[in-house]
Amino acid sequence: MALYKINLEIMPIQSVLDPQGEAIEVSLKNLDKIKASNFRVGKRIEFKVEAPNKEKCKEITNKLCKDFLVNEVIEKYTFTIKNEKK
C-alpha cells in the first residue's frame, strides 16, 4: 500500500453569504490605501490516506469529503493528492 498526502480546500459556494469574508471587507473600508474586495473565507485540511493506488486514494478522499468533511449544500471542495514516503 502506498501513502498519499491530501490537501483539501473547502469554500462556501457563491450563492451562500460568507460572514467572515464580509467582516474582512467591512474592516478594510477604513484603510484608504488598500483596495481589495470579494473575500471568501474557507478551510484547508491536510491528511494522509493509505491506498493501493492513486485512483483508489481519490475514491476514498471523495467519500470522506461527501460523508464527513464537506456540507455540499453550502460548500464546494477541491483536493490534490501527492505521493508520500512511508
PDB file of N, CA and C in Angstrom:
ATOM      1  N   MET A   1       0.835  -1.192   0.000  1.00  0.00           N
ATOM      2  CA  MET A   1       0.000   0.000   0.000  1.00  0.00           C
ATOM      3  C   MET A   1       0.879   1.255   0.000  1.00  0.00           C
ATOM      4  N   ALA A   2       0.439   2.227  -0.739  1.00  0.00           N
ATOM      5  CA  ALA A   2       1.154   3.498  -0.806  1.00  0.00           C
ATOM      6  C   ALA A   2       0.491   4.498   0.139  1.00  0.00           C
ATOM      7  N   LEU A   3       1.260   5.503   0.531  1.00  0.00           N
ATOM      8  CA  LEU A   3       0.760   6.553   1.402  1.00  0.00           C
ATOM      9  C   LEU A   3       0.684   7.841   0.584  1.00  0.00           C
ATOM     10  N   TYR A   4      -0.459   8.525   0.659  1.00  0.00           N
ATOM     11  CA  TYR A   4      -0.688   9.743  -0.110  1.00  0.00           C
ATOM     12  C   TYR A   4      -1.049  10.893   0.820  1.00  0.00           C
ATOM     13  N   LYS A   5      -0.517  12.067   0.508  1.00  0.00           N
ATOM     14  CA  LYS A   5      -0.845  13.271   1.269  1.00  0.00           C
ATOM     15  C   LYS A   5      -1.940  14.030   0.520  1.00  0.00           C
ATOM     16  N   ILE A   6      -3.003  14.373   1.233  1.00  0.00           N
ATOM     17  CA  ILE A   6      -4.145  15.071   0.655  1.00  0.00           C
ATOM     18  C   ILE A   6      -4.177  16.506   1.176  1.00  0.00           C
ATOM     19  N   ASN A   7      -4.308  17.455   0.270  1.00  0.00           N
ATOM     20  CA  ASN A   7      -4.548  18.853   0.615  1.00  0.00           C
ATOM     21  C   ASN A   7      -5.950  19.185   0.124  1.00  0.00           C
ATOM     22  N   LEU A   8      -6.868  19.368   1.049  1.00  0.00           N
ATOM     23  CA  LEU A   8      -8.269  19.594   0.742  1.00  0.00           C
ATOM     24  C   LEU A   8      -8.618  21.056   1.012  1.00  0.00           C
ATOM     25  N   GLU A   9      -9.231  21.711   0.023  1.00  0.00           N
ATOM     26  CA  GLU A   9      -9.689  23.087   0.192  1.00  0.00           C
ATOM     27  C   GLU A   9     -11.201  23.111   0.081  1.00  0.00           C
ATOM     28  N   ILE A  10     -11.845  23.713   1.078  1.00  0.00           N
ATOM     29  CA  ILE A  10     -13.303  23.802   1.141  1.00  0.00           C
ATOM     30  C   ILE A  10     -13.679  25.278   1.161  1.00  0.00           C
ATOM     31  N   MET A  11     -14.588  25.658   0.263  1.00  0.00           N
ATOM     32  CA  MET A  11     -15.025  27.049   0.161  1.00  0.00           C
ATOM     33  C   MET A  11     -16.549  27.116   0.137  1.00  0.00           C
ATOM     34  N   PRO A  12     -17.114  28.217   0.651  1.00  0.00           N
ATOM     35  CA  PRO A  12     -18.558  28.367   0.532  1.00  0.00           C
ATOM     36  C   PRO A  12     -18.925  28.571  -0.940  1.00  0.00           C
ATOM     37  N   ILE A  13     -20.060  28.041  -1.369  1.00  0.00           N
ATOM     38  CA  ILE A  13     -20.486  28.270  -2.744  1.00  0.00           C
ATOM     39  C   ILE A  13     -20.866  29.744  -2.897  1.00  0.00           C
ATOM     40  N   GLN A  14     -20.835  30.246  -4.140  1.00  0.00           N
ATOM     41  CA  GLN A  14     -21.030  31.673  -4.386  1.00  0.00           C
ATOM     42  C   GLN A  14     -22.370  32.198  -3.884  1.00  0.00           C
ATOM     43  N   SER A  15     -23.407  31.374  -3.930  1.00  0.00           N
ATOM     44  CA  SER A  15     -24.738  31.849  -3.546  1.00  0.00           C
ATOM     45  C   SER A  15     -24.945  31.920  -2.030  1.00  0.00           C
ATOM     46  N   VAL A  16     -23.960  31.473  -1.263  1.00  0.00           N
ATOM     47  CA  VAL A  16     -24.066  31.472   0.196  1.00  0.00           C
ATOM     48  C   VAL A  16     -23.352  32.696   0.768  1.00  0.00           C
ATOM     49  N   LEU A  17     -24.031  33.393   1.674  1.00  0.00           N
ATOM     50  CA  LEU A  17     -23.421  34.532   2.352  1.00  0.00           C
ATOM     51  C   LEU A  17     -22.211  34.060   3.150  1.00  0.00           C
ATOM     52  N   ASP A  18     -21.118  34.795   3.050  1.00  0.00           N
ATOM     53  CA  ASP A  18     -19.890  34.450   3.763  1.00  0.00           C
ATOM     54  C   ASP A  18     -19.621  35.524   4.817  1.00  0.00           C
ATOM     55  N   PRO A  19     -20.095  35.338   6.059  1.00  0.00           N
ATOM     56  CA  PRO A  19     -19.950  36.373   7.081  1.00  0.00           C
ATOM     57  C   PRO A  19     -18.496  36.721   7.398  1.00  0.00           C
ATOM     58  N   GLN A  20     -17.596  35.761   7.331  1.00  0.00           N
ATOM     59  CA  GLN A  20     -16.189  36.067   7.605  1.00  0.00           C
ATOM     60  C   GLN A  20     -15.606  36.940   6.495  1.00  0.00           C
ATOM     61  N   GLY A  21     -15.927  36.616   5.266  1.00  0.00           N
ATOM     62  CA  GLY A  21     -15.476  37.439   4.140  1.00  0.00           C
ATOM     63  C   GLY A  21     -16.042  38.844   4.222  1.00  0.00           C
ATOM     64  N   GLU A  22     -17.315  38.960   4.593  1.00  0.00           N
ATOM     65  CA  GLU A  22     -17.958  40.268   4.759  1.00  0.00           C
ATOM     66  C   GLU A  22     -17.260  41.073   5.856  1.00  0.00           C
ATOM     67  N   ALA A  23     -16.915  40.421   6.957  1.00  0.00           N
ATOM     68  CA  ALA A  23     -16.254  41.108   8.072  1.00  0.00           C
ATOM     69  C   ALA A  23     -14.900  41.672   7.638  1.00  0.00           C
ATOM     70  N   ILE A  24     -14.178  40.924   6.820  1.00  0.00           N
ATOM     71  CA  ILE A  24     -12.880  41.413   6.320  1.00  0.00           C
ATOM     72  C   ILE A  24     -13.096  42.661   5.473  1.00  0.00           C
ATOM     73  N   GLU A  25     -14.071  42.617   4.574  1.00  0.00           N
ATOM     74  CA  GLU A  25     -14.330  43.774   3.703  1.00  0.00           C
ATOM     75  C   GLU A  25     -14.735  45.009   4.501  1.00  0.00           C
ATOM     76  N   VAL A  26     -15.577  44.819   5.515  1.00  0.00           N
ATOM     77  CA  VAL A  26     -16.002  45.946   6.345  1.00  0.00           C
ATOM     78  C   VAL A  26     -14.789  46.548   7.060  1.00  0.00           C
ATOM     79  N   SER A  27     -13.920  45.699   7.572  1.00  0.00           N
ATOM     80  CA  SER A  27     -12.722  46.182   8.268  1.00  0.00           C
ATOM     81  C   SER A  27     -11.797  46.954   7.332  1.00  0.00           C
ATOM     82  N   LEU A  28     -11.683  46.508   6.089  1.00  0.00           N
ATOM     83  CA  LEU A  28     -10.772  47.159   5.145  1.00  0.00           C
ATOM     84  C   LEU A  28     -11.299  48.488   4.622  1.00  0.00           C
ATOM     85  N   LYS A  29     -12.575  48.744   4.749  1.00  0.00           N
ATOM     86  CA  LYS A  29     -13.123  50.020   4.267  1.00  0.00           C
ATOM     87  C   LYS A  29     -12.521  51.205   5.002  1.00  0.00           C
ATOM     88  N   ASN A  30     -12.009  50.974   6.191  1.00  0.00           N
ATOM     89  CA  ASN A  30     -11.378  52.047   6.968  1.00  0.00           C
ATOM     90  C   ASN A  30      -9.932  52.309   6.543  1.00  0.00           C
ATOM     91  N   LEU A  31      -9.372  51.467   5.696  1.00  0.00           N
ATOM     92  CA  LEU A  31      -7.992  51.639   5.247  1.00  0.00           C
ATOM     93  C   LEU A  31      -8.020  52.173   3.815  1.00  0.00           C
ATOM     94  N   ASP A  32      -7.698  53.441   3.657  1.00  0.00           N
ATOM     95  CA  ASP A  32      -7.788  54.097   2.350  1.00  0.00           C
ATOM     96  C   ASP A  32      -6.813  53.553   1.312  1.00  0.00           C
ATOM     97  N   LYS A  33      -5.666  53.093   1.730  1.00  0.00           N
ATOM     98  CA  LYS A  33      -4.617  52.722   0.771  1.00  0.00           C
ATOM     99  C   LYS A  33      -4.762  51.309   0.224  1.00  0.00           C
ATOM    100  N   ILE A  34      -5.620  50.504   0.821  1.00  0.00           N
ATOM    101  CA  ILE A  34      -5.771  49.116   0.378  1.00  0.00           C
ATOM    102  C   ILE A  34      -7.088  48.959  -0.350  1.00  0.00           C
ATOM    103  N   LYS A  35      -7.012  48.528  -1.600  1.00  0.00           N
ATOM    104  CA  LYS A  35      -8.203  48.285  -2.405  1.00  0.00           C
ATOM    105  C   LYS A  35      -8.299  46.785  -2.669  1.00  0.00           C
ATOM    106  N   ALA A  36      -9.088  46.097  -1.888  1.00  0.00           N
ATOM    107  CA  ALA A  36      -9.282  44.653  -2.038  1.00  0.00           C
ATOM    108  C   ALA A  36     -10.747  44.352  -1.754  1.00  0.00           C
ATOM    109  N   SER A  37     -11.288  43.362  -2.468  1.00  0.00           N
ATOM    110  CA  SER A  37     -12.702  43.048  -2.279  1.00  0.00           C
ATOM    111  C   SER A  37     -12.988  41.596  -2.634  1.00  0.00           C
ATOM    112  N   ASN A  38     -14.244  41.203  -2.453  1.00  0.00           N
ATOM    113  CA  ASN A  38     -14.726  39.857  -2.787  1.00  0.00           C
ATOM    114  C   ASN A  38     -14.025  38.758  -1.995  1.00  0.00           C
ATOM    115  N   PHE A  39     -13.850  38.983  -0.710  1.00  0.00           N
ATOM    116  CA  PHE A  39     -13.219  37.982   0.145  1.00  0.00           C
ATOM    117  C   PHE A  39     -14.167  36.811   0.378  1.00  0.00           C
ATOM    118  N   ARG A  40     -13.642  35.608   0.281  1.00  0.00           N
ATOM    119  CA  ARG A  40     -14.357  34.382   0.614  1.00  0.00           C
ATOM    120  C   ARG A  40     -13.432  33.606   1.542  1.00  0.00           C
ATOM    121  N   VAL A  41     -13.926  33.199   2.689  1.00  0.00           N
ATOM    122  CA  VAL A  41     -13.103  32.504   3.671  1.00  0.00           C
ATOM    123  C   VAL A  41     -13.514  31.035   3.697  1.00  0.00           C
ATOM    124  N   GLY A  42     -12.523  30.157   3.574  1.00  0.00           N
ATOM    125  CA  GLY A  42     -12.790  28.727   3.570  1.00  0.00           C
ATOM    126  C   GLY A  42     -11.920  27.993   4.572  1.00  0.00           C
ATOM    127  N   LYS A  43     -11.743  26.700   4.309  1.00  0.00           N
ATOM    128  CA  LYS A  43     -10.945  25.839   5.195  1.00  0.00           C
ATOM    129  C   LYS A  43      -9.947  25.055   4.352  1.00  0.00           C
ATOM    130  N   ARG A  44      -8.835  24.739   4.955  1.00  0.00           N
ATOM    131  CA  ARG A  44      -7.855  23.841   4.338  1.00  0.00           C
ATOM    132  C   ARG A  44      -7.594  22.717   5.336  1.00  0.00           C
ATOM    133  N   ILE A  45      -7.704  21.504   4.851  1.00  0.00           N
ATOM    134  CA  ILE A  45      -7.486  20.330   5.701  1.00  0.00           C
ATOM    135  C   ILE A  45      -6.416  19.473   5.035  1.00  0.00           C
ATOM    136  N   GLU A  46      -5.422  19.064   5.797  1.00  0.00           N
ATOM    137  CA  GLU A  46      -4.369  18.168   5.308  1.00  0.00           C
ATOM    138  C   GLU A  46      -4.471  16.849   6.053  1.00  0.00           C
ATOM    139  N   PHE A  47      -4.360  15.754   5.311  1.00  0.00           N
ATOM    140  CA  PHE A  47      -4.362  14.436   5.945  1.00  0.00           C
ATOM    141  C   PHE A  47      -3.702  13.437   5.007  1.00  0.00           C
ATOM    142  N   LYS A  48      -3.497  12.213   5.494  1.00  0.00           N
ATOM    143  CA  LYS A  48      -2.859  11.156   4.703  1.00  0.00           C
ATOM    144  C   LYS A  48      -3.808   9.981   4.542  1.00  0.00           C
ATOM    145  N   VAL A  49      -3.724   9.356   3.385  1.00  0.00           N
ATOM    146  CA  VAL A  49      -4.557   8.198   3.072  1.00  0.00           C
ATOM    147  C   VAL A  49      -3.643   7.071   2.601  1.00  0.00           C
ATOM    148  N   GLU A  50      -3.873   5.886   3.127  1.00  0.00           N
ATOM    149  CA  GLU A  50      -3.163   4.702   2.659  1.00  0.00           C
ATOM    150  C   GLU A  50      -4.078   3.978   1.672  1.00  0.00           C
ATOM    151  N   ALA A  51      -3.567   3.744   0.457  1.00  0.00           N
ATOM    152  CA  ALA A  51      -4.371   3.103  -0.583  1.00  0.00           C
ATOM    153  C   ALA A  51      -3.449   2.358  -1.546  1.00  0.00           C
ATOM    154  N   PRO A  52      -4.000   1.375  -2.285  1.00  0.00           N
ATOM    155  CA  PRO A  52      -3.162   0.601  -3.201  1.00  0.00           C
ATOM    156  C   PRO A  52      -2.668   1.401  -4.408  1.00  0.00           C
ATOM    157  N   ASN A  53      -3.426   2.466  -4.795  1.00  0.00           N
ATOM    158  CA  ASN A  53      -3.018   3.289  -5.933  1.00  0.00           C
ATOM    159  C   ASN A  53      -3.689   4.659  -5.835  1.00  0.00           C
ATOM    160  N   LYS A  54      -3.287   5.558  -6.719  1.00  0.00           N
ATOM    161  CA  LYS A  54      -3.786   6.931  -6.662  1.00  0.00           C
ATOM    162  C   LYS A  54      -5.285   7.009  -6.964  1.00  0.00           C
ATOM    163  N   GLU A  55      -5.764   6.185  -7.874  1.00  0.00           N
ATOM    164  CA  GLU A  55      -7.195   6.184  -8.213  1.00  0.00           C
ATOM    165  C   GLU A  55      -8.044   5.773  -7.005  1.00  0.00           C
ATOM    166  N   LYS A  56      -7.616   4.771  -6.278  1.00  0.00           N
ATOM    167  CA  LYS A  56      -8.333   4.340  -5.074  1.00  0.00           C
ATOM    168  C   LYS A  56      -8.265   5.431  -3.997  1.00  0.00           C
ATOM    169  N   CYS A  57      -7.122   6.093  -3.904  1.00  0.00           N
ATOM    170  CA  CYS A  57      -6.969   7.194  -2.959  1.00  0.00           C
ATOM    171  C   CYS A  57      -7.970   8.302  -3.280  1.00  0.00           C
ATOM    172  N   LYS A  58      -8.121   8.619  -4.548  1.00  0.00           N
ATOM    173  CA  LYS A  58      -9.089   9.635  -4.972  1.00  0.00           C
ATOM    174  C   LYS A  58     -10.511   9.229  -4.584  1.00  0.00           C
ATOM    175  N   GLU A  59     -10.830   7.976  -4.785  1.00  0.00           N
ATOM    176  CA  GLU A  59     -12.152   7.447  -4.423  1.00  0.00           C
ATOM    177  C   GLU A  59     -12.396   7.572  -2.915  1.00  0.00           C
ATOM    178  N   ILE A  60     -11.407   7.190  -2.116  1.00  0.00           N
ATOM    179  CA  ILE A  60     -11.512   7.270  -0.657  1.00  0.00           C
ATOM    180  C   ILE A  60     -11.673   8.728  -0.210  1.00  0.00           C
ATOM    181  N   THR A  61     -10.872   9.614  -0.796  1.00  0.00           N
ATOM    182  CA  THR A  61     -10.923  11.027  -0.427  1.00  0.00           C
ATOM    183  C   THR A  61     -12.285  11.629  -0.770  1.00  0.00           C
ATOM    184  N   ASN A  62     -12.810  11.322  -1.939  1.00  0.00           N
ATOM    185  CA  ASN A  62     -14.145  11.814  -2.307  1.00  0.00           C
ATOM    186  C   ASN A  62     -15.202  11.317  -1.328  1.00  0.00           C
ATOM    187  N   LYS A  63     -15.104  10.061  -0.914  1.00  0.00           N
ATOM    188  CA  LYS A  63     -16.064   9.512   0.042  1.00  0.00           C
ATOM    189  C   LYS A  63     -15.967  10.237   1.388  1.00  0.00           C
ATOM    190  N   LEU A  64     -14.742  10.459   1.869  1.00  0.00           N
ATOM    191  CA  LEU A  64     -14.562  11.204   3.118  1.00  0.00           C
ATOM    192  C   LEU A  64     -15.175  12.602   3.022  1.00  0.00           C
ATOM    193  N   CYS A  65     -14.946  13.262   1.890  1.00  0.00           N
ATOM    194  CA  CYS A  65     -15.486  14.612   1.708  1.00  0.00           C
ATOM    195  C   CYS A  65     -17.004  14.605   1.730  1.00  0.00           C
ATOM    196  N   LYS A  66     -17.591  13.732   0.946  1.00  0.00           N
ATOM    197  CA  LYS A  66     -19.050  13.690   0.824  1.00  0.00           C
ATOM    198  C   LYS A  66     -19.737  13.223   2.111  1.00  0.00           C
ATOM    199  N   ASP A  67     -19.127  12.286   2.816  1.00  0.00           N
ATOM    200  CA  ASP A  67     -19.759  11.704   4.010  1.00  0.00           C
ATOM    201  C   ASP A  67     -19.470  12.453   5.315  1.00  0.00           C
ATOM    202  N   PHE A  68     -18.291  13.119   5.407  1.00  0.00           N
ATOM    203  CA  PHE A  68     -17.890  13.672   6.703  1.00  0.00           C
ATOM    204  C   PHE A  68     -17.380  15.116   6.685  1.00  0.00           C
ATOM    205  N   LEU A  69     -16.634  15.498   5.682  1.00  0.00           N
ATOM    206  CA  LEU A  69     -15.875  16.743   5.762  1.00  0.00           C
ATOM    207  C   LEU A  69     -16.530  17.964   5.123  1.00  0.00           C
ATOM    208  N   VAL A  70     -17.404  17.750   4.143  1.00  0.00           N
ATOM    209  CA  VAL A  70     -17.952  18.862   3.367  1.00  0.00           C
ATOM    210  C   VAL A  70     -19.477  18.836   3.409  1.00  0.00           C
ATOM    211  N   ASN A  71     -20.073  19.990   3.633  1.00  0.00           N
ATOM    212  CA  ASN A  71     -21.520  20.136   3.523  1.00  0.00           C
ATOM    213  C   ASN A  71     -21.795  20.657   2.112  1.00  0.00           C
ATOM    214  N   GLU A  72     -22.110  19.753   1.194  1.00  0.00           N
ATOM    215  CA  GLU A  72     -22.235  20.131  -0.216  1.00  0.00           C
ATOM    216  C   GLU A  72     -23.432  21.033  -0.512  1.00  0.00           C
ATOM    217  N   VAL A  73     -24.302  21.229   0.451  1.00  0.00           N
ATOM    218  CA  VAL A  73     -25.405  22.167   0.262  1.00  0.00           C
ATOM    219  C   VAL A  73     -24.863  23.598   0.225  1.00  0.00           C
ATOM    220  N   ILE A  74     -23.836  23.880   1.031  1.00  0.00           N
ATOM    221  CA  ILE A  74     -23.311  25.245   1.120  1.00  0.00           C
ATOM    222  C   ILE A  74     -21.813  25.355   0.806  1.00  0.00           C
ATOM    223  N   GLU A  75     -21.146  24.223   0.539  1.00  0.00           N
ATOM    224  CA  GLU A  75     -19.700  24.253   0.298  1.00  0.00           C
ATOM    225  C   GLU A  75     -19.340  23.466  -0.962  1.00  0.00           C
ATOM    226  N   LYS A  76     -18.209  23.879  -1.563  1.00  0.00           N
ATOM    227  CA  LYS A  76     -17.615  23.115  -2.659  1.00  0.00           C
ATOM    228  C   LYS A  76     -16.191  22.757  -2.225  1.00  0.00           C
ATOM    229  N   TYR A  77     -15.614  21.756  -2.878  1.00  0.00           N
ATOM    230  CA  TYR A  77     -14.273  21.346  -2.464  1.00  0.00           C
ATOM    231  C   TYR A  77     -13.419  20.934  -3.654  1.00  0.00           C
ATOM    232  N   THR A  78     -12.114  21.059  -3.460  1.00  0.00           N
ATOM    233  CA  THR A  78     -11.117  20.540  -4.394  1.00  0.00           C
ATOM    234  C   THR A  78      -9.999  19.948  -3.548  1.00  0.00           C
ATOM    235  N   PHE A  79      -9.265  19.017  -4.125  1.00  0.00           N
ATOM    236  CA  PHE A  79      -8.131  18.461  -3.393  1.00  0.00           C
ATOM    237  C   PHE A  79      -7.026  18.046  -4.355  1.00  0.00           C
ATOM    238  N   THR A  80      -5.816  17.994  -3.796  1.00  0.00           N
ATOM    239  CA  THR A  80      -4.684  17.465  -4.527  1.00  0.00           C
ATOM    240  C   THR A  80      -4.152  16.253  -3.777  1.00  0.00           C
ATOM    241  N   ILE A  81      -3.568  15.350  -4.534  1.00  0.00           N
ATOM    242  CA  ILE A  81      -3.003  14.115  -3.975  1.00  0.00           C
ATOM    243  C   ILE A  81      -1.515  14.096  -4.345  1.00  0.00           C
ATOM    244  N   LYS A  82      -0.680  13.875  -3.338  1.00  0.00           N
ATOM    245  CA  LYS A  82       0.765  13.754  -3.579  1.00  0.00           C
ATOM    246  C   LYS A  82       1.256  12.459  -2.970  1.00  0.00           C
ATOM    247  N   ASN A  83       2.169  11.811  -3.645  1.00  0.00           N
ATOM    248  CA  ASN A  83       2.797  10.607  -3.081  1.00  0.00           C
ATOM    249  C   ASN A  83       3.584  11.008  -1.842  1.00  0.00           C
ATOM    250  N   GLU A  84       3.504  10.172  -0.831  1.00  0.00           N
ATOM    251  CA  GLU A  84       4.185  10.427   0.446  1.00  0.00           C
ATOM    252  C   GLU A  84       5.059   9.227   0.754  1.00  0.00           C
ATOM    253  N   LYS A  85       6.245   9.466   1.258  1.00  0.00           N
ATOM    254  CA  LYS A  85       7.104   8.361   1.674  1.00  0.00           C
ATOM    255  C   LYS A  85       6.607   7.817   3.000  1.00  0.00           C
ATOM    256  N   LYS A  86       6.633   6.522   3.147  1.00  0.00           N
ATOM    257  CA  LYS A  86       6.189   5.893   4.411  1.00  0.00           C
ATOM    258  C   LYS A  86       7.199   6.092   5.495  1.00  0.00           C
TER     259      LYS A  86
END
